[in-house]
């Protein structure tokens, strides 16, 4: 079962959400993704690594640039 964790910036439409399904972590990018989203994306990756996932999948299907 995938567990979702969403991180959202105030005053911004940028959003990164993470989910975990077994040993696989997912990073879903939503809205405009540019250099200002680096910290959010890095944080999402590090949180998944800390949770012990063995594989990370990044979904850009809802992202814009």
PDB file of N, CA and C in Angstrom:
ATOM      1  N   UNK A   1       0.840  -1.173   0.000  1.00  0.00           N
ATOM      2  CA  UNK A   1       0.000   0.000   0.000  1.00  0.00           C
ATOM      3  C   UNK A   1       0.887   1.239   0.000  1.00  0.00           C
ATOM      4  N   UNK A   2       0.629   2.162  -0.914  1.00  0.00           N
ATOM      5  CA  UNK A   2       1.410   3.390  -0.997  1.00  0.00           C
ATOM      6  C   UNK A   2       0.971   4.360   0.081  1.00  0.00           C
ATOM      7  N   UNK A   3       1.949   4.881   0.809  1.00  0.00           N
ATOM      8  CA  UNK A   3       1.705   5.908   1.818  1.00  0.00           C
ATOM      9  C   UNK A   3       2.168   7.231   1.246  1.00  0.00           C
ATOM     10  N   UNK A   4       1.319   8.272   1.316  1.00  0.00           N
ATOM     11  CA  UNK A   4       1.616   9.561   0.695  1.00  0.00           C
ATOM     12  C   UNK A   4       2.048  10.586   1.713  1.00  0.00           C
ATOM     13  N   UNK A   5       3.062  11.378   1.337  1.00  0.00           N
ATOM     14  CA  UNK A   5       3.526  12.506   2.132  1.00  0.00           C
ATOM     15  C   UNK A   5       3.659  13.675   1.175  1.00  0.00           C
ATOM     16  N   UNK A   6       2.963  14.752   1.417  1.00  0.00           N
ATOM     17  CA  UNK A   6       2.979  15.893   0.510  1.00  0.00           C
ATOM     18  C   UNK A   6       3.666  17.077   1.181  1.00  0.00           C
ATOM     19  N   UNK A   7       4.573  17.710   0.447  1.00  0.00           N
ATOM     20  CA  UNK A   7       5.281  18.889   0.921  1.00  0.00           C
ATOM     21  C   UNK A   7       4.880  20.036   0.015  1.00  0.00           C
ATOM     22  N   UNK A   8       4.363  21.107   0.588  1.00  0.00           N
ATOM     23  CA  UNK A   8       3.922  22.224  -0.226  1.00  0.00           C
ATOM     24  C   UNK A   8       4.519  23.519   0.305  1.00  0.00           C
ATOM     25  N   UNK A   9       4.958  24.388  -0.576  1.00  0.00           N
ATOM     26  CA  UNK A   9       5.473  25.701  -0.200  1.00  0.00           C
ATOM     27  C   UNK A   9       4.343  26.697  -0.099  1.00  0.00           C
ATOM     28  N   UNK A  10       4.372  27.550   0.926  1.00  0.00           N
ATOM     29  CA  UNK A  10       3.364  28.612   1.037  1.00  0.00           C
ATOM     30  C   UNK A  10       3.529  29.621  -0.082  1.00  0.00           C
ATOM     31  N   UNK A  11       2.419  30.081  -0.594  1.00  0.00           N
ATOM     32  CA  UNK A  11       2.445  31.101  -1.625  1.00  0.00           C
ATOM     33  C   UNK A  11       3.008  30.624  -2.953  1.00  0.00           C
ATOM     34  N   UNK A  12       3.059  29.348  -3.139  1.00  0.00           N
ATOM     35  CA  UNK A  12       3.631  28.808  -4.360  1.00  0.00           C
ATOM     36  C   UNK A  12       2.797  27.638  -4.838  1.00  0.00           C
ATOM     37  N   UNK A  13       2.821  27.395  -6.128  1.00  0.00           N
ATOM     38  CA  UNK A  13       2.095  26.261  -6.674  1.00  0.00           C
ATOM     39  C   UNK A  13       2.989  25.047  -6.801  1.00  0.00           C
ATOM     40  N   UNK A  14       4.255  25.202  -6.405  1.00  0.00           N
ATOM     41  CA  UNK A  14       5.174  24.076  -6.486  1.00  0.00           C
ATOM     42  C   UNK A  14       4.807  23.049  -5.439  1.00  0.00           C
ATOM     43  N   UNK A  15       4.905  21.818  -5.808  1.00  0.00           N
ATOM     44  CA  UNK A  15       4.575  20.772  -4.857  1.00  0.00           C
ATOM     45  C   UNK A  15       5.316  19.497  -5.213  1.00  0.00           C
ATOM     46  N   UNK A  16       5.824  18.872  -4.184  1.00  0.00           N
ATOM     47  CA  UNK A  16       6.478  17.582  -4.327  1.00  0.00           C
ATOM     48  C   UNK A  16       5.780  16.638  -3.366  1.00  0.00           C
ATOM     49  N   UNK A  17       5.355  15.491  -3.855  1.00  0.00           N
ATOM     50  CA  UNK A  17       4.777  14.507  -2.950  1.00  0.00           C
ATOM     51  C   UNK A  17       5.575  13.219  -3.073  1.00  0.00           C
ATOM     52  N   UNK A  18       5.624  12.492  -1.973  1.00  0.00           N
ATOM     53  CA  UNK A  18       6.314  11.214  -1.978  1.00  0.00           C
ATOM     54  C   UNK A  18       5.364  10.135  -1.503  1.00  0.00           C
ATOM     55  N   UNK A  19       5.541   8.945  -2.065  1.00  0.00           N
ATOM     56  CA  UNK A  19       4.792   7.786  -1.611  1.00  0.00           C
ATOM     57  C   UNK A  19       5.757   6.614  -1.521  1.00  0.00           C
ATOM     58  N   UNK A  20       5.379   5.645  -0.708  1.00  0.00           N
ATOM     59  CA  UNK A  20       6.184   4.439  -0.553  1.00  0.00           C
ATOM     60  C   UNK A  20       5.298   3.230  -0.756  1.00  0.00           C
ATOM     61  N   UNK A  21       5.771   2.292  -1.548  1.00  0.00           N
ATOM     62  CA  UNK A  21       5.081   1.030  -1.770  1.00  0.00           C
ATOM     63  C   UNK A  21       6.119  -0.071  -1.602  1.00  0.00           C
ATOM     64  N   UNK A  22       6.125  -0.699  -0.442  1.00  0.00           N
ATOM     65  CA  UNK A  22       7.135  -1.712  -0.157  1.00  0.00           C
ATOM     66  C   UNK A  22       8.507  -1.074  -0.072  1.00  0.00           C
ATOM     67  N   UNK A  23       9.441  -1.550  -0.895  1.00  0.00           N
ATOM     68  CA  UNK A  23      10.807  -1.021  -0.887  1.00  0.00           C
ATOM     69  C   UNK A  23      11.018   0.041  -1.964  1.00  0.00           C
ATOM     70  N   UNK A  24       9.929   0.485  -2.606  1.00  0.00           N
ATOM     71  CA  UNK A  24      10.032   1.488  -3.668  1.00  0.00           C
ATOM     72  C   UNK A  24       9.444   2.804  -3.205  1.00  0.00           C
ATOM     73  N   UNK A  25      10.207   3.873  -3.387  1.00  0.00           N
ATOM     74  CA  UNK A  25       9.730   5.221  -3.085  1.00  0.00           C
ATOM     75  C   UNK A  25       9.427   5.947  -4.378  1.00  0.00           C
ATOM     76  N   UNK A  26       8.424   6.801  -4.352  1.00  0.00           N
ATOM     77  CA  UNK A  26       8.008   7.563  -5.524  1.00  0.00           C
ATOM     78  C   UNK A  26       8.076   9.049  -5.199  1.00  0.00           C
ATOM     79  N   UNK A  27       8.655   9.833  -6.094  1.00  0.00           N
ATOM     80  CA  UNK A  27       8.671  11.288  -5.982  1.00  0.00           C
ATOM     81  C   UNK A  27       7.821  11.813  -7.129  1.00  0.00           C
ATOM     82  N   UNK A  28       6.709  12.447  -6.797  1.00  0.00           N
ATOM     83  CA  UNK A  28       5.802  13.006  -7.796  1.00  0.00           C
ATOM     84  C   UNK A  28       5.972  14.521  -7.799  1.00  0.00           C
ATOM     85  N   UNK A  29       6.266  15.077  -8.967  1.00  0.00           N
ATOM     86  CA  UNK A  29       6.448  16.519  -9.106  1.00  0.00           C
ATOM     87  C   UNK A  29       5.199  17.123  -9.717  1.00  0.00           C
ATOM     88  N   UNK A  30       4.717  18.205  -9.104  1.00  0.00           N
ATOM     89  CA  UNK A  30       3.466  18.845  -9.525  1.00  0.00           C
ATOM     90  C   UNK A  30       3.727  20.315  -9.817  1.00  0.00           C
ATOM     91  N   UNK A  31       3.154  20.813 -10.884  1.00  0.00           N
ATOM     92  CA  UNK A  31       3.269  22.236 -11.195  1.00  0.00           C
ATOM     93  C   UNK A  31       4.606  22.583 -11.823  1.00  0.00           C
ATOM     94  N   UNK A  32       4.958  23.877 -11.716  1.00  0.00           N
ATOM     95  CA  UNK A  32       6.184  24.366 -12.332  1.00  0.00           C
ATOM     96  C   UNK A  32       7.405  23.896 -11.566  1.00  0.00           C
ATOM     97  N   UNK A  33       8.300  23.234 -12.265  1.00  0.00           N
ATOM     98  CA  UNK A  33       9.542  22.742 -11.661  1.00  0.00           C
ATOM     99  C   UNK A  33      10.696  23.491 -12.308  1.00  0.00           C
ATOM    100  N   UNK A  34      11.439  24.225 -11.491  1.00  0.00           N
ATOM    101  CA  UNK A  34      12.623  24.930 -11.970  1.00  0.00           C
ATOM    102  C   UNK A  34      13.679  24.892 -10.870  1.00  0.00           C
ATOM    103  N   UNK A  35      14.709  25.686 -11.006  1.00  0.00           N
ATOM    104  CA  UNK A  35      15.836  25.647 -10.075  1.00  0.00           C
ATOM    105  C   UNK A  35      15.407  25.947  -8.632  1.00  0.00           C
ATOM    106  N   UNK A  36      14.322  26.685  -8.454  1.00  0.00           N
ATOM    107  CA  UNK A  36      13.881  27.026  -7.102  1.00  0.00           C
ATOM    108  C   UNK A  36      13.267  25.835  -6.372  1.00  0.00           C
ATOM    109  N   UNK A  37      13.001  24.747  -7.074  1.00  0.00           N
ATOM    110  CA  UNK A  37      12.411  23.556  -6.453  1.00  0.00           C
ATOM    111  C   UNK A  37      13.466  22.559  -5.980  1.00  0.00           C
ATOM    112  N   UNK A  38      14.737  22.877  -6.182  1.00  0.00           N
ATOM    113  CA  UNK A  38      15.811  21.938  -5.862  1.00  0.00           C
ATOM    114  C   UNK A  38      15.765  21.483  -4.408  1.00  0.00           C
ATOM    115  N   UNK A  39      15.588  22.402  -3.480  1.00  0.00           N
ATOM    116  CA  UNK A  39      15.597  22.038  -2.057  1.00  0.00           C
ATOM    117  C   UNK A  39      14.451  21.092  -1.738  1.00  0.00           C
ATOM    118  N   UNK A  40      13.264  21.363  -2.269  1.00  0.00           N
ATOM    119  CA  UNK A  40      12.120  20.475  -2.035  1.00  0.00           C
ATOM    120  C   UNK A  40      12.370  19.082  -2.591  1.00  0.00           C
ATOM    121  N   UNK A  41      12.915  19.014  -3.790  1.00  0.00           N
ATOM    122  CA  UNK A  41      13.164  17.721  -4.421  1.00  0.00           C
ATOM    123  C   UNK A  41      14.243  16.958  -3.661  1.00  0.00           C
ATOM    124  N   UNK A  42      15.304  17.653  -3.296  1.00  0.00           N
ATOM    125  CA  UNK A  42      16.374  17.010  -2.531  1.00  0.00           C
ATOM    126  C   UNK A  42      15.853  16.482  -1.195  1.00  0.00           C
ATOM    127  N   UNK A  43      15.029  17.276  -0.521  1.00  0.00           N
ATOM    128  CA  UNK A  43      14.448  16.851   0.753  1.00  0.00           C
ATOM    129  C   UNK A  43      13.603  15.600   0.578  1.00  0.00           C
ATOM    130  N   UNK A  44      12.824  15.552  -0.494  1.00  0.00           N
ATOM    131  CA  UNK A  44      11.983  14.379  -0.759  1.00  0.00           C
ATOM    132  C   UNK A  44      12.843  13.135  -0.945  1.00  0.00           C
ATOM    133  N   UNK A  45      13.921  13.254  -1.723  1.00  0.00           N
ATOM    134  CA  UNK A  45      14.819  12.117  -1.934  1.00  0.00           C
ATOM    135  C   UNK A  45      15.447  11.657  -0.619  1.00  0.00           C
ATOM    136  N   UNK A  46      15.961  12.606   0.159  1.00  0.00           N
ATOM    137  CA  UNK A  46      16.627  12.253   1.413  1.00  0.00           C
ATOM    138  C   UNK A  46      15.669  11.592   2.405  1.00  0.00           C
ATOM    139  N   UNK A  47      14.420  12.061   2.452  1.00  0.00           N
ATOM    140  CA  UNK A  47      13.424  11.442   3.339  1.00  0.00           C
ATOM    141  C   UNK A  47      13.158   9.994   2.928  1.00  0.00           C
ATOM    142  N   UNK A  48      13.092   9.746   1.624  1.00  0.00           N
ATOM    143  CA  UNK A  48      12.868   8.370   1.156  1.00  0.00           C
ATOM    144  C   UNK A  48      14.062   7.486   1.483  1.00  0.00           C
ATOM    145  N   UNK A  49      15.275   8.009   1.301  1.00  0.00           N
ATOM    146  CA  UNK A  49      16.471   7.243   1.642  1.00  0.00           C
ATOM    147  C   UNK A  49      16.479   6.930   3.135  1.00  0.00           C
ATOM    148  N   UNK A  50      16.134   7.919   3.959  1.00  0.00           N
ATOM    149  CA  UNK A  50      16.070   7.706   5.410  1.00  0.00           C
ATOM    150  C   UNK A  50      15.037   6.643   5.792  1.00  0.00           C
ATOM    151  N   UNK A  51      14.014   6.499   4.965  1.00  0.00           N
ATOM    152  CA  UNK A  51      12.973   5.488   5.227  1.00  0.00           C
ATOM    153  C   UNK A  51      13.399   4.106   4.759  1.00  0.00           C
ATOM    154  N   UNK A  52      14.555   4.019   4.106  1.00  0.00           N
ATOM    155  CA  UNK A  52      15.103   2.725   3.729  1.00  0.00           C
ATOM    156  C   UNK A  52      14.617   2.149   2.417  1.00  0.00           C
ATOM    157  N   UNK A  53      14.082   2.983   1.519  1.00  0.00           N
ATOM    158  CA  UNK A  53      13.631   2.442   0.239  1.00  0.00           C
ATOM    159  C   UNK A  53      14.833   1.996  -0.584  1.00  0.00           C
ATOM    160  N   UNK A  54      14.648   0.995  -1.410  1.00  0.00           N
ATOM    161  CA  UNK A  54      15.728   0.455  -2.228  1.00  0.00           C
ATOM    162  C   UNK A  54      15.748   1.002  -3.635  1.00  0.00           C
ATOM    163  N   UNK A  55      14.649   1.646  -4.049  1.00  0.00           N
ATOM    164  CA  UNK A  55      14.523   2.172  -5.407  1.00  0.00           C
ATOM    165  C   UNK A  55      13.654   3.421  -5.342  1.00  0.00           C
ATOM    166  N   UNK A  56      14.012   4.450  -6.120  1.00  0.00           N
ATOM    167  CA  UNK A  56      13.210   5.679  -6.170  1.00  0.00           C
ATOM    168  C   UNK A  56      12.803   5.920  -7.616  1.00  0.00           C
ATOM    169  N   UNK A  57      11.492   6.125  -7.812  1.00  0.00           N
ATOM    170  CA  UNK A  57      10.923   6.421  -9.130  1.00  0.00           C
ATOM    171  C   UNK A  57      10.442   7.870  -9.114  1.00  0.00           C
ATOM    172  N   UNK A  58      10.820   8.645 -10.139  1.00  0.00           N
ATOM    173  CA  UNK A  58      10.409  10.047 -10.227  1.00  0.00           C
ATOM    174  C   UNK A  58       9.355  10.179 -11.323  1.00  0.00           C
ATOM    175  N   UNK A  59       8.208  10.776 -10.970  1.00  0.00           N
ATOM    176  CA  UNK A  59       7.098  10.970 -11.910  1.00  0.00           C
ATOM    177  C   UNK A  59       7.007  12.444 -12.274  1.00  0.00           C
ATOM    178  N   UNK A  60       7.309  12.763 -13.533  1.00  0.00           N
ATOM    179  CA  UNK A  60       7.251  14.137 -14.041  1.00  0.00           C
ATOM    180  C   UNK A  60       5.940  14.415 -14.785  1.00  0.00           C
ATOM    181  N   UNK A  61       4.999  13.486 -14.808  1.00  0.00           N
ATOM    182  CA  UNK A  61       3.822  13.613 -15.659  1.00  0.00           C
ATOM    183  C   UNK A  61       2.938  14.806 -15.304  1.00  0.00           C
ATOM    184  N   UNK A  62       3.002  15.304 -14.064  1.00  0.00           N
ATOM    185  CA  UNK A  62       2.185  16.448 -13.656  1.00  0.00           C
ATOM    186  C   UNK A  62       3.044  17.706 -13.502  1.00  0.00           C
ATOM    187  N   UNK A  63       4.275  17.662 -14.011  1.00  0.00           N
ATOM    188  CA  UNK A  63       5.201  18.794 -13.873  1.00  0.00           C
ATOM    189  C   UNK A  63       5.210  19.639 -15.130  1.00  0.00           C
ATOM    190  N   UNK A  64       5.469  20.919 -14.924  1.00  0.00           N
ATOM    191  CA  UNK A  64       5.617  21.858 -16.036  1.00  0.00           C
ATOM    192  C   UNK A  64       6.911  22.613 -15.831  1.00  0.00           C
ATOM    193  N   UNK A  65       7.405  23.210 -16.893  1.00  0.00           N
ATOM    194  CA  UNK A  65       8.616  24.018 -16.756  1.00  0.00           C
ATOM    195  C   UNK A  65       8.336  25.377 -17.348  1.00  0.00           C
TER     196      UNK A  65
END
